[in-house]
Amino acid sequence: MVDAIHDLPQRSEMAPAQLYSTESGRLFHSGKIAIATVGLPARGKTHISVALARYLRWLGVKTRAFHLGDYRRATVGPGQDVPDDYFFVNGEDLFSCDVLQISTKVSDDSSASSVLLRQKILRKCREDIYHFFNKENGQIAIYDAVNPLAAGRRVLAKEFAKHDVQTLFIESACDDTRIIEENVRSVKISSPDYIGWSSDDAVKHYLARMTAKIPHFETMNEPELNWIKMINAGERLSVNNCTFGYLSHRIVFYLLNLHIKSRHTYFARAGNPDKEDSYKADATLSDQGREYARKMGDTLIQHREEERQALIDRGGPATPLKTLTIWTSPRRRTVETSQYLFEKGYRVRQRTQMSQLNPGVCEKMSERRIRLEYPDEVQKHEADPYHHRYPRAESYHDLAVRLEPIILELEREQNDLLIIAHENVLRVLYGYLMACHAIDIPKLSFPRNEIIEIIPASYNNEAKRITIPGLPEEIIPSSPEDIRIPVPPSGVVSPAPGLGTPMSGTQSPIEGNRSPEKGVMTPKTPGEGTHLLVERALKGI
């Protein structure tokens, strides 16, 4: 299952970490901003665009990425080739007709048909951006293109200024051949341009596209424009003239934590306790919990090695596995779940922000008792399980705000990462990486017999499940037995049905919760989910 970053929200709702709302839909007194990427191919522009859109939408800023490559593919049609001279630098990534006239002075190699095709594509992209600002109350439009010429960028900024839109350029510059080669190799996996291509053919074609642009590309040095330059995947950052206020500085701060190097993230539950756990008691692992920790660790080690070997078999480089770092909460049983891997030499870090939700006064209460003692709170919770908090408790929204430092460090981490935490923490972190709606996050399911792997790519993230074999049935369930929570059956490719965008050839498991892998059907029943009160945290598990 791939994430939903390219699916525009259809519902009017607060974003997972949004602190307030306005009548205009725009936040932080920042007005409308157009972010335009700058850089040669394989420098990480699309990765930056998508990652920034994910972060801003998580904060509640209405953001949309406009990938010029998507408009090219939609205009030309599936499986159709563009003229060989289409990717020459004189106009493919510029925004207005005036810019096209300027760019023809640089190169006259493009044919008339290529110029007309580019103008058609750019016109459609421009119309959609202005529609997003003016008709949808959009706040930030990310224009993902090469934008190679200084003259073109100046005209682009003036074009947006006519429509009361501020412009910020973000350049990704890279002279490290290792990073460029890694990006080129990943393009064949993530870019829609190379679906069905062999690895060698995809790399050859992409390098030819790069070569066509390199002679005329001009790096950002315009003193009158607002720009940020990321150098070598975040090793250095240069900022010029960014005077927009709070939101632009949040963008700079986020980019300081971002890199474009590939790494995988794994989510795993903590093992079960030796007695009925509680939020205050902080119980240790049971014998079953320690056996789970061992099997989970062995399964993950084996999976990573199998993935490495599969990459080599497909013609990839025989490089060593990335270092695996483990994050846990300070809770005793999450730390003890990591002990098996720690003894094998893996680094473990405890993160205080990753503690589970505080259940407040409802800890250990039965559903019946909660309904009797707090009927008004139950009604509020059923109306909005994400934002509601019981007396002296935390809500999922509280948890999302608390986890923001973790999210930024998650972006900064360059090693492969295993996160061992309570299910409600995993729900929020998964919701960020997979661009889930706030209302769907409490429904995500993480049974103990599965590790969730998040595979990043420049265009989107992909999630898949890794089954842990040989676990007792009684420790697998992901939700309290006495509180009905709508969860998908074990074996679906995403922790919640209908979240994200199904990959080509699969069915989105919405109606009837169909699993694309196993064909399991769980019929929807009237009123399903109406008893969603609090998590496993009510019982401290």
Protein backbone atom coordinates (compact mmCIF):
# COMPACT_ATOMS: atom_id res chain seq x y z
CA MET A 1 0.00 0.00 0.00
CA VAL A 2 1.38 3.42 -0.93
CA ASP A 3 0.68 6.57 1.03
CA ALA A 4 -2.04 9.15 0.43
CA ILE A 5 0.17 12.22 -0.02
CA HIS A 6 -1.11 12.70 -3.59
CA ASP A 7 -4.77 12.19 -2.61
CA LEU A 8 -6.38 15.50 -1.72
CA PRO A 9 -8.54 15.32 1.43
CA GLN A 10 -12.23 15.13 0.54
CA ARG A 11 -13.40 15.95 4.04
CA SER A 12 -13.25 19.25 5.89
CA GLU A 13 -11.41 18.28 9.05
CA MET A 14 -8.52 19.25 11.25
CA ALA A 15 -5.13 17.80 10.34
CA PRO A 16 -3.49 15.43 12.86
CA ALA A 17 -1.18 18.05 14.42
CA GLN A 18 -3.22 21.18 13.59
CA LEU A 19 -3.52 23.58 16.54
CA TYR A 20 -6.23 25.92 15.26
CA SER A 21 -8.34 26.74 12.22
CA THR A 22 -9.35 29.94 10.42
CA GLU A 23 -12.29 30.96 8.27
CA SER A 24 -10.00 31.37 5.24
CA GLY A 25 -8.34 28.01 5.83
CA ARG A 26 -4.89 29.65 5.90
CA LEU A 27 -2.69 29.53 8.98
CA PHE A 28 0.14 31.43 10.68
CA HIS A 29 -0.77 34.78 9.01
CA SER A 30 1.37 33.78 6.04
CA GLY A 31 -0.89 34.25 3.03
CA LYS A 32 -0.34 32.31 -0.18
CA ILE A 33 3.12 30.88 -0.94
CA ALA A 34 4.40 29.15 -4.06
CA ILE A 35 7.44 26.94 -3.48
CA ALA A 36 9.34 26.21 -6.69
CA THR A 37 12.02 23.54 -6.75
CA VAL A 38 15.31 24.06 -8.59
CA GLY A 39 17.87 21.44 -9.56
CA LEU A 40 19.07 18.92 -12.09
CA PRO A 41 17.42 15.49 -12.30
CA ALA A 42 18.33 12.91 -9.61
CA ARG A 43 19.06 15.61 -7.01
CA GLY A 44 16.05 14.84 -4.81
CA LYS A 45 13.63 17.62 -5.83
CA THR A 46 10.56 15.38 -5.88
CA HIS A 47 11.58 13.78 -2.58
CA ILE A 48 11.85 17.23 -0.99
CA SER A 49 8.52 18.33 -2.49
CA VAL A 50 6.64 15.28 -1.21
CA ALA A 51 8.30 15.28 2.22
CA LEU A 52 7.61 18.99 2.71
CA ALA A 53 3.98 18.57 1.59
CA ARG A 54 3.59 15.69 4.07
CA TYR A 55 4.95 17.76 6.96
CA LEU A 56 2.96 20.91 6.16
CA ARG A 57 -0.29 19.00 5.72
CA TRP A 58 0.38 17.26 9.05
CA LEU A 59 0.49 20.74 10.64
CA GLY A 60 -2.78 21.70 8.95
CA VAL A 61 -1.33 23.95 6.22
CA LYS A 62 -3.34 23.31 3.05
CA THR A 63 -0.57 22.16 0.72
CA ARG A 64 -0.46 20.48 -2.66
CA ALA A 65 2.49 19.37 -4.78
CA PHE A 66 2.24 19.98 -8.52
CA HIS A 67 4.72 17.67 -10.26
CA LEU A 68 5.34 18.86 -13.80
CA GLY A 69 6.20 15.28 -14.76
CA ASP A 70 2.65 14.24 -13.84
CA TYR A 71 1.24 16.83 -16.22
CA ARG A 72 3.56 15.63 -18.97
CA ARG A 73 2.43 12.02 -18.50
CA ALA A 74 -1.25 13.05 -18.38
CA THR A 75 -0.92 15.15 -21.55
CA VAL A 76 1.07 12.66 -23.60
CA GLY A 77 -0.90 9.64 -22.41
CA PRO A 78 0.12 6.34 -20.80
CA GLY A 79 2.86 4.45 -22.61
CA GLN A 80 3.49 7.30 -25.06
CA ASP A 81 6.95 8.77 -25.63
CA VAL A 82 7.78 12.46 -25.85
CA PRO A 83 10.08 13.83 -28.58
CA ASP A 84 13.79 13.30 -27.95
CA ASP A 85 14.37 17.04 -27.64
CA TYR A 86 11.58 17.56 -25.09
CA PHE A 87 13.98 17.45 -22.13
CA PHE A 88 16.35 20.07 -23.53
CA VAL A 89 16.65 22.94 -21.07
CA ASN A 90 14.92 25.60 -23.17
CA GLY A 91 11.50 25.52 -21.65
CA GLU A 92 10.46 22.15 -20.24
CA ASP A 93 10.34 23.40 -16.68
CA LEU A 94 9.48 27.08 -17.04
CA PHE A 95 6.17 28.58 -16.17
CA SER A 96 4.98 31.33 -18.50
CA CYS A 97 5.06 32.10 -22.19
CA ASP A 98 7.39 35.02 -21.49
CA VAL A 99 9.85 32.62 -19.89
CA LEU A 100 9.65 30.34 -22.89
CA GLN A 101 10.60 33.26 -25.13
CA ILE A 102 13.54 34.07 -22.88
CA SER A 103 14.71 30.46 -22.77
CA THR A 104 14.83 30.07 -26.55
CA LYS A 105 17.82 32.40 -26.53
CA VAL A 106 19.74 29.72 -24.65
CA SER A 107 19.09 26.84 -27.02
CA ASP A 108 17.35 26.50 -30.36
CA ASP A 109 17.64 22.72 -30.47
CA SER A 110 14.00 21.97 -29.56
CA SER A 111 11.57 21.39 -32.38
CA ALA A 112 8.42 23.48 -32.75
CA SER A 113 6.29 20.49 -31.70
CA SER A 114 8.25 20.12 -28.47
CA VAL A 115 7.88 23.81 -27.66
CA LEU A 116 4.11 23.66 -28.26
CA LEU A 117 3.85 20.51 -26.13
CA ARG A 118 5.69 22.18 -23.26
CA GLN A 119 3.49 25.27 -23.49
CA LYS A 120 0.38 23.11 -23.29
CA ILE A 121 1.67 21.25 -20.26
CA LEU A 122 2.78 24.42 -18.47
CA ARG A 123 -0.55 26.14 -19.16
CA LYS A 124 -2.48 23.31 -17.51
CA CYS A 125 -0.15 23.27 -14.51
CA ARG A 126 -0.46 27.05 -14.11
CA GLU A 127 -4.26 26.88 -14.26
CA ASP A 128 -4.37 24.19 -11.58
CA ILE A 129 -2.08 26.13 -9.25
CA TYR A 130 -4.21 29.27 -9.47
CA HIS A 131 -7.38 27.23 -9.03
CA PHE A 132 -5.89 25.69 -5.90
CA PHE A 133 -5.13 29.15 -4.48
CA ASN A 134 -8.29 30.96 -5.54
CA LYS A 135 -11.02 28.31 -5.49
CA GLU A 136 -9.81 25.80 -2.88
CA ASN A 137 -8.32 28.27 -0.37
CA GLY A 138 -4.94 26.61 -0.76
CA GLN A 139 -2.02 28.12 1.13
CA ILE A 140 1.13 26.48 -0.25
CA ALA A 141 1.57 25.16 -3.78
CA ILE A 142 4.79 23.26 -4.43
CA TYR A 143 5.80 23.54 -8.09
CA ASP A 144 8.09 20.54 -8.65
CA ALA A 145 10.20 21.19 -11.76
CA VAL A 146 13.82 21.81 -12.81
CA ASN A 147 13.52 25.61 -13.20
CA PRO A 148 17.09 25.77 -14.57
CA LEU A 149 17.53 29.41 -15.67
CA ALA A 150 17.97 32.52 -13.52
CA ALA A 151 16.00 34.65 -15.99
CA GLY A 152 13.13 32.18 -15.89
CA ARG A 153 13.06 32.15 -12.10
CA ARG A 154 12.87 35.95 -11.96
CA VAL A 155 9.92 35.98 -14.35
CA LEU A 156 8.28 33.17 -12.37
CA ALA A 157 8.49 35.20 -9.14
CA LYS A 158 7.00 38.25 -10.90
CA GLU A 159 4.22 36.09 -12.37
CA PHE A 160 3.20 34.83 -8.93
CA ALA A 161 3.50 38.31 -7.38
CA LYS A 162 0.83 39.58 -9.80
CA HIS A 163 -1.56 37.16 -8.10
CA ASP A 164 -0.52 38.14 -4.56
CA VAL A 165 1.48 34.93 -4.13
CA GLN A 166 4.92 34.95 -2.51
CA THR A 167 7.57 32.75 -4.09
CA LEU A 168 10.21 30.66 -2.34
CA PHE A 169 12.73 28.64 -4.38
CA ILE A 170 14.27 25.48 -2.95
CA GLU A 171 17.33 24.18 -4.81
CA SER A 172 18.76 20.72 -4.27
CA ALA A 173 22.40 20.84 -5.35
CA CYS A 174 24.60 17.76 -5.32
CA ASP A 175 28.12 17.00 -6.49
CA ASP A 176 28.49 13.72 -4.56
CA THR A 177 28.43 10.99 -7.21
CA ARG A 178 27.40 8.34 -4.68
CA ILE A 179 24.22 10.22 -3.80
CA ILE A 180 23.43 10.87 -7.47
CA GLU A 181 23.92 7.21 -8.39
CA GLU A 182 21.69 6.09 -5.50
CA ASN A 183 18.99 8.52 -6.60
CA VAL A 184 19.19 7.38 -10.21
CA ARG A 185 18.85 3.75 -9.14
CA SER A 186 15.83 4.52 -6.99
CA VAL A 187 14.08 6.43 -9.77
CA LYS A 188 13.36 3.24 -11.72
CA ILE A 189 11.47 1.95 -8.68
CA SER A 190 9.51 5.05 -7.70
CA SER A 191 8.96 7.14 -10.83
CA PRO A 192 5.86 6.47 -12.95
CA ASP A 193 8.05 7.11 -16.00
CA TYR A 194 9.82 3.77 -15.61
CA ILE A 195 7.11 1.29 -14.74
CA GLY A 196 7.96 -1.92 -16.61
CA TRP A 197 11.46 -0.77 -17.60
CA SER A 198 14.56 -2.83 -16.94
CA SER A 199 17.05 -1.38 -14.47
CA ASP A 200 19.75 -0.74 -17.07
CA ASP A 201 17.39 0.88 -19.58
CA ALA A 202 15.85 3.14 -16.92
CA VAL A 203 19.23 4.32 -15.68
CA LYS A 204 20.51 4.90 -19.23
CA HIS A 205 17.44 6.96 -20.17
CA TYR A 206 17.55 9.00 -16.97
CA LEU A 207 21.26 9.80 -17.38
CA ALA A 208 20.55 11.01 -20.91
CA ARG A 209 17.85 13.31 -19.51
CA MET A 210 20.36 14.70 -17.01
CA THR A 211 23.01 15.24 -19.67
CA ALA A 212 20.60 17.31 -21.77
CA LYS A 213 20.16 19.82 -18.93
CA ILE A 214 23.63 20.06 -17.38
CA PRO A 215 25.32 22.44 -19.90
CA HIS A 216 22.79 25.26 -19.41
CA PHE A 217 21.78 24.87 -15.76
CA GLU A 218 22.29 27.95 -13.56
CA THR A 219 22.48 27.51 -9.79
CA MET A 220 20.59 29.87 -7.45
CA ASN A 221 22.49 33.10 -6.82
CA GLU A 222 19.83 35.77 -7.42
CA PRO A 223 20.12 38.23 -4.49
CA GLU A 224 16.62 39.67 -4.93
CA LEU A 225 14.80 36.30 -4.69
CA ASN A 226 13.87 34.19 -1.68
CA TRP A 227 15.64 30.85 -1.87
CA ILE A 228 16.98 27.96 0.15
CA LYS A 229 19.80 25.81 -1.21
CA MET A 230 20.30 22.28 0.12
CA ILE A 231 23.76 20.92 -0.70
CA ASN A 232 24.61 17.20 -0.86
CA ALA A 233 21.43 15.83 0.70
CA GLY A 234 21.40 18.26 3.61
CA GLU A 235 25.10 18.48 4.48
CA ARG A 236 24.84 22.27 4.18
CA LEU A 237 21.98 24.73 3.85
CA SER A 238 22.12 28.29 2.47
CA VAL A 239 19.23 30.72 2.95
CA ASN A 240 18.70 34.01 1.14
CA ASN A 241 16.14 36.73 1.89
CA CYS A 242 13.49 34.51 3.55
CA THR A 243 11.35 37.22 5.15
CA PHE A 244 7.90 35.60 5.12
CA GLY A 245 7.60 35.13 8.86
CA TYR A 246 6.76 32.14 11.02
CA LEU A 247 5.75 29.63 8.35
CA SER A 248 8.79 30.17 6.14
CA HIS A 249 11.04 29.72 9.14
CA ARG A 250 9.24 26.48 10.00
CA ILE A 251 10.02 25.32 6.45
CA VAL A 252 13.70 26.19 6.88
CA PHE A 253 13.78 24.38 10.21
CA TYR A 254 12.19 21.30 8.66
CA LEU A 255 14.66 21.28 5.77
CA LEU A 256 17.51 21.41 8.28
CA ASN A 257 16.30 18.01 9.49
CA LEU A 258 15.60 16.50 6.05
CA HIS A 259 17.89 14.37 3.91
CA ILE A 260 17.27 12.52 0.65
CA LYS A 261 19.14 9.32 1.43
CA SER A 262 17.05 6.15 1.43
CA ARG A 263 16.35 4.22 4.63
CA HIS A 264 13.62 1.87 5.86
CA THR A 265 11.51 2.28 8.99
CA TYR A 266 10.02 -0.68 10.88
CA PHE A 267 7.23 -0.61 13.48
CA ALA A 268 6.82 -3.37 16.09
CA ARG A 269 4.68 -3.75 19.20
CA ALA A 270 6.19 -4.31 22.61
CA GLY A 271 5.87 -7.80 24.07
CA ASN A 272 3.05 -8.68 26.44
CA PRO A 273 3.55 -8.13 30.22
CA ASP A 274 3.93 -10.74 32.94
CA LYS A 275 0.72 -9.56 34.64
CA GLU A 276 -2.08 -7.16 33.87
CA ASP A 277 -0.18 -4.02 33.00
CA SER A 278 -1.18 -0.52 33.99
CA TYR A 279 -0.03 2.93 32.98
CA LYS A 280 1.34 3.57 36.45
CA ALA A 281 2.74 0.15 37.37
CA ASP A 282 4.96 -0.28 34.24
CA ALA A 283 5.10 -4.08 34.27
CA THR A 284 7.94 -6.22 32.91
CA LEU A 285 7.76 -8.75 30.07
CA SER A 286 6.31 -12.19 30.60
CA ASP A 287 8.06 -15.35 29.36
CA GLN A 288 5.83 -15.15 26.28
CA GLY A 289 6.87 -11.52 25.84
CA ARG A 290 10.55 -12.44 25.90
CA GLU A 291 9.94 -15.23 23.38
CA TYR A 292 8.10 -12.71 21.18
CA ALA A 293 11.06 -10.33 21.38
CA ARG A 294 13.42 -13.08 20.23
CA LYS A 295 11.21 -14.16 17.32
CA MET A 296 10.54 -10.58 16.28
CA GLY A 297 14.26 -9.81 16.24
CA ASP A 298 15.16 -12.93 14.28
CA THR A 299 12.37 -12.29 11.76
CA LEU A 300 13.54 -8.73 11.14
CA ILE A 301 17.20 -9.75 10.77
CA GLN A 302 16.28 -12.48 8.30
CA HIS A 303 13.97 -10.18 6.33
CA ARG A 304 16.61 -7.47 5.93
CA GLU A 305 19.16 -9.99 4.67
CA GLU A 306 16.63 -11.48 2.22
CA GLU A 307 15.83 -7.99 0.91
CA ARG A 308 19.52 -7.28 0.41
CA GLN A 309 20.00 -10.54 -1.49
CA ALA A 310 16.94 -9.86 -3.64
CA LEU A 311 18.39 -6.47 -4.59
CA ILE A 312 21.65 -8.10 -5.62
CA ASP A 313 19.78 -10.69 -7.67
CA ARG A 314 18.03 -7.86 -9.54
CA GLY A 315 21.39 -6.40 -10.52
CA GLY A 316 21.85 -3.98 -7.64
CA PRO A 317 25.16 -3.32 -5.87
CA ALA A 318 26.41 -5.84 -3.30
CA THR A 319 26.67 -3.22 -0.57
CA PRO A 320 26.43 -4.03 3.16
CA LEU A 321 23.15 -3.52 4.98
CA LYS A 322 22.55 -0.10 6.48
CA THR A 323 23.08 0.14 10.20
CA LEU A 324 19.89 -0.58 12.15
CA THR A 325 19.07 1.77 15.04
CA ILE A 326 16.30 0.95 17.56
CA TRP A 327 14.08 3.48 19.30
CA THR A 328 11.91 2.56 22.29
CA SER A 329 9.85 4.44 24.82
CA PRO A 330 11.11 4.47 28.43
CA ARG A 331 8.38 1.99 29.38
CA ARG A 332 9.94 -1.14 30.84
CA ARG A 333 8.50 -3.69 28.46
CA THR A 334 9.42 -1.74 25.31
CA VAL A 335 13.00 -1.54 26.57
CA GLU A 336 12.99 -5.25 27.43
CA THR A 337 11.58 -6.08 23.98
CA SER A 338 14.66 -4.46 22.45
CA GLN A 339 17.07 -6.32 24.76
CA TYR A 340 17.50 -9.32 22.43
CA LEU A 341 18.66 -7.09 19.57
CA PHE A 342 20.77 -4.97 21.94
CA GLU A 343 22.68 -8.11 22.97
CA LYS A 344 23.35 -8.75 19.28
CA GLY A 345 25.12 -5.40 19.02
CA TYR A 346 22.34 -3.10 17.77
CA ARG A 347 22.15 0.41 19.18
CA VAL A 348 19.06 1.18 21.29
CA ARG A 349 17.84 4.67 22.22
CA GLN A 350 15.03 5.48 24.65
CA ARG A 351 12.76 8.37 23.61
CA THR A 352 10.63 9.89 26.37
CA GLN A 353 8.21 11.47 23.87
CA MET A 354 7.20 7.97 22.71
CA SER A 355 5.40 7.02 25.93
CA GLN A 356 1.89 5.70 25.39
CA LEU A 357 -1.29 7.73 25.82
CA ASN A 358 -2.14 8.61 29.40
CA PRO A 359 -5.61 7.01 29.97
CA GLY A 360 -6.44 9.36 32.86
CA VAL A 361 -9.23 8.40 35.26
CA CYS A 362 -10.50 5.68 32.92
CA GLU A 363 -7.52 3.40 33.41
CA LYS A 364 -8.63 -0.21 34.00
CA MET A 365 -12.31 0.71 33.87
CA SER A 366 -14.62 -1.59 31.94
CA GLU A 367 -16.63 -0.24 29.04
CA ARG A 368 -19.84 -0.61 31.08
CA ARG A 369 -18.46 1.42 33.97
CA ILE A 370 -17.18 4.16 31.66
CA ARG A 371 -20.60 4.46 30.06
CA LEU A 372 -22.30 4.67 33.47
CA GLU A 373 -19.94 7.20 35.05
CA TYR A 374 -19.04 9.35 32.01
CA PRO A 375 -21.96 9.23 29.55
CA ASP A 376 -21.26 12.73 28.20
CA GLU A 377 -17.59 11.92 27.65
CA VAL A 378 -18.51 8.71 25.85
CA GLN A 379 -20.75 10.66 23.49
CA LYS A 380 -17.99 13.16 22.76
CA HIS A 381 -15.49 10.36 22.21
CA GLU A 382 -17.71 8.52 19.77
CA ALA A 383 -18.18 11.78 17.82
CA ASP A 384 -14.42 12.49 17.59
CA PRO A 385 -12.13 9.74 18.93
CA TYR A 386 -9.02 11.53 17.65
CA HIS A 387 -9.39 14.86 19.47
CA HIS A 388 -11.44 13.86 22.51
CA ARG A 389 -9.70 13.26 25.81
CA TYR A 390 -11.22 11.67 28.91
CA PRO A 391 -10.74 13.47 32.26
CA ARG A 392 -7.03 13.82 33.12
CA ALA A 393 -6.14 11.83 29.98
CA GLU A 394 -4.46 12.52 26.64
CA SER A 395 -6.02 12.50 23.20
CA TYR A 396 -4.44 11.32 19.97
CA HIS A 397 -4.05 14.97 19.04
CA ASP A 398 -2.10 15.57 22.24
CA LEU A 399 0.12 12.63 21.34
CA ALA A 400 0.68 13.92 17.79
CA VAL A 401 1.82 17.31 19.12
CA ARG A 402 4.05 15.59 21.70
CA LEU A 403 5.64 13.47 18.97
CA GLU A 404 6.70 16.36 16.71
CA PRO A 405 10.36 16.26 17.92
CA ILE A 406 10.32 12.53 17.14
CA ILE A 407 8.95 13.21 13.65
CA LEU A 408 11.73 15.71 12.94
CA GLU A 409 14.38 13.32 14.23
CA LEU A 410 12.74 10.56 12.17
CA GLU A 411 13.38 12.71 9.08
CA ARG A 412 16.96 13.34 10.21
CA GLU A 413 17.80 9.67 10.89
CA GLN A 414 19.94 8.15 8.13
CA ASN A 415 20.17 4.59 9.46
CA ASP A 416 17.43 2.01 9.07
CA LEU A 417 15.15 2.40 12.07
CA LEU A 418 13.11 -0.02 14.22
CA ILE A 419 10.54 1.65 16.49
CA ILE A 420 9.21 -0.47 19.37
CA ALA A 421 6.32 1.24 21.11
CA HIS A 422 2.72 1.02 22.26
CA GLU A 423 0.12 0.65 19.54
CA ASN A 424 -1.24 4.19 19.90
CA VAL A 425 2.24 5.66 19.36
CA LEU A 426 2.74 3.50 16.27
CA ARG A 427 -0.63 4.66 14.92
CA VAL A 428 0.37 8.32 15.06
CA LEU A 429 3.83 7.80 13.54
CA TYR A 430 2.40 5.60 10.80
CA GLY A 431 -0.29 8.23 10.20
CA TYR A 432 2.43 10.82 9.56
CA LEU A 433 4.55 8.70 7.22
CA MET A 434 1.54 7.47 5.23
CA ALA A 435 -0.38 10.79 5.18
CA CYS A 436 -3.47 9.40 6.93
CA HIS A 437 -6.49 11.48 7.90
CA ALA A 438 -6.82 12.27 11.60
CA ILE A 439 -10.17 10.51 11.82
CA ASP A 440 -8.62 7.26 10.54
CA ILE A 441 -5.59 7.13 12.85
CA PRO A 442 -7.43 5.60 15.90
CA LYS A 443 -8.60 2.73 13.67
CA LEU A 444 -5.14 1.58 12.60
CA SER A 445 -4.27 -1.94 13.70
CA PHE A 446 -0.86 -3.37 14.61
CA PRO A 447 -1.19 -7.03 15.67
CA ARG A 448 1.85 -8.43 17.44
CA ASN A 449 2.56 -11.08 14.84
CA GLU A 450 3.46 -8.47 12.21
CA ILE A 451 6.21 -5.92 11.69
CA ILE A 452 5.20 -2.95 9.53
CA GLU A 453 7.89 -1.84 7.08
CA ILE A 454 7.76 1.67 5.58
CA ILE A 455 9.71 1.81 2.33
CA PRO A 456 10.50 5.40 1.27
CA ALA A 457 10.74 6.59 -2.31
CA SER A 458 10.90 10.00 -3.90
CA TYR A 459 7.27 10.00 -5.07
CA ASN A 460 5.56 8.26 -2.14
CA ASN A 461 6.04 5.86 0.75
CA GLU A 462 5.01 2.23 0.61
CA ALA A 463 3.99 0.04 3.55
CA LYS A 464 4.01 -3.72 3.80
CA ARG A 465 3.64 -6.34 6.53
CA ILE A 466 6.25 -8.84 7.66
CA THR A 467 4.71 -11.82 9.46
CA ILE A 468 6.37 -13.10 12.63
CA PRO A 469 5.83 -16.89 12.62
CA GLY A 470 5.17 -19.21 15.55
CA LEU A 471 3.53 -16.83 18.03
CA PRO A 472 0.73 -18.00 20.37
CA GLU A 473 -2.69 -16.82 19.25
CA GLU A 474 -3.50 -15.21 22.59
CA ILE A 475 -0.77 -12.53 22.30
CA ILE A 476 -1.57 -11.50 18.72
CA PRO A 477 -4.77 -9.38 19.02
CA SER A 478 -4.19 -5.68 18.59
CA SER A 479 -7.27 -4.35 20.39
CA PRO A 480 -9.11 -4.98 23.68
CA GLU A 481 -11.49 -7.91 23.45
CA ASP A 482 -14.22 -6.20 25.49
CA ILE A 483 -14.27 -2.99 23.42
CA ARG A 484 -15.26 -3.27 19.77
CA ILE A 485 -12.85 -1.40 17.50
CA PRO A 486 -13.04 -1.65 13.69
CA VAL A 487 -9.76 -3.23 12.67
CA PRO A 488 -8.79 -4.99 9.44
CA PRO A 489 -8.02 -8.69 9.40
CA SER A 490 -4.43 -9.75 9.86
CA GLY A 491 -2.74 -10.02 6.50
CA VAL A 492 -3.89 -6.84 4.74
CA VAL A 493 -1.14 -4.77 3.20
CA SER A 494 -1.89 -1.59 5.14
CA PRO A 495 -2.76 -1.28 8.85
CA ALA A 496 -6.15 0.22 7.93
CA PRO A 497 -8.34 -0.48 4.93
CA GLY A 498 -8.85 2.31 2.46
CA LEU A 499 -5.94 4.45 3.70
CA GLY A 500 -3.47 5.51 1.08
CA THR A 501 -3.57 4.66 -2.60
CA PRO A 502 -3.51 1.02 -3.75
CA MET A 503 -0.63 0.00 -5.96
CA SER A 504 -1.30 -0.89 -9.55
CA GLY A 505 -3.13 -4.19 -9.80
CA THR A 506 -4.53 -4.17 -6.28
CA GLN A 507 -7.95 -3.28 -4.97
CA SER A 508 -8.36 -0.67 -2.29
CA PRO A 509 -9.77 -2.63 0.66
CA ILE A 510 -12.63 -0.30 1.59
CA GLU A 511 -15.93 -2.01 0.95
CA GLY A 512 -16.07 -5.17 2.99
CA ASN A 513 -12.42 -4.77 4.02
CA ARG A 514 -11.13 -7.02 1.25
CA SER A 515 -7.51 -7.97 1.62
CA PRO A 516 -5.71 -7.79 -1.75
CA GLU A 517 -3.27 -10.46 -0.64
CA LYS A 518 -5.49 -13.11 0.92
CA GLY A 519 -8.97 -12.19 -0.24
CA VAL A 520 -10.26 -12.16 3.33
CA MET A 521 -13.66 -10.54 3.72
CA THR A 522 -14.90 -8.95 6.94
CA PRO A 523 -18.48 -7.74 6.39
CA LYS A 524 -19.28 -4.31 7.69
CA THR A 525 -22.06 -4.33 10.25
CA PRO A 526 -24.37 -1.46 11.21
CA GLY A 527 -22.95 0.61 14.04
CA GLU A 528 -19.50 -0.90 13.76
CA GLY A 529 -17.02 1.28 15.58
CA THR A 530 -19.58 3.06 17.76
CA HIS A 531 -18.00 1.65 20.90
CA LEU A 532 -14.55 3.05 20.22
CA LEU A 533 -13.76 4.50 23.64
CA VAL A 534 -10.12 4.29 24.57
CA GLU A 535 -7.24 2.09 23.54
CA ARG A 536 -5.56 -0.79 25.10
CA ALA A 537 -4.37 1.89 27.50
CA LEU A 538 -7.61 1.51 29.47
CA LYS A 539 -6.26 -1.82 30.54
CA GLY A 540 -2.66 -0.56 30.49
CA ILE A 541 -1.70 -2.92 27.68
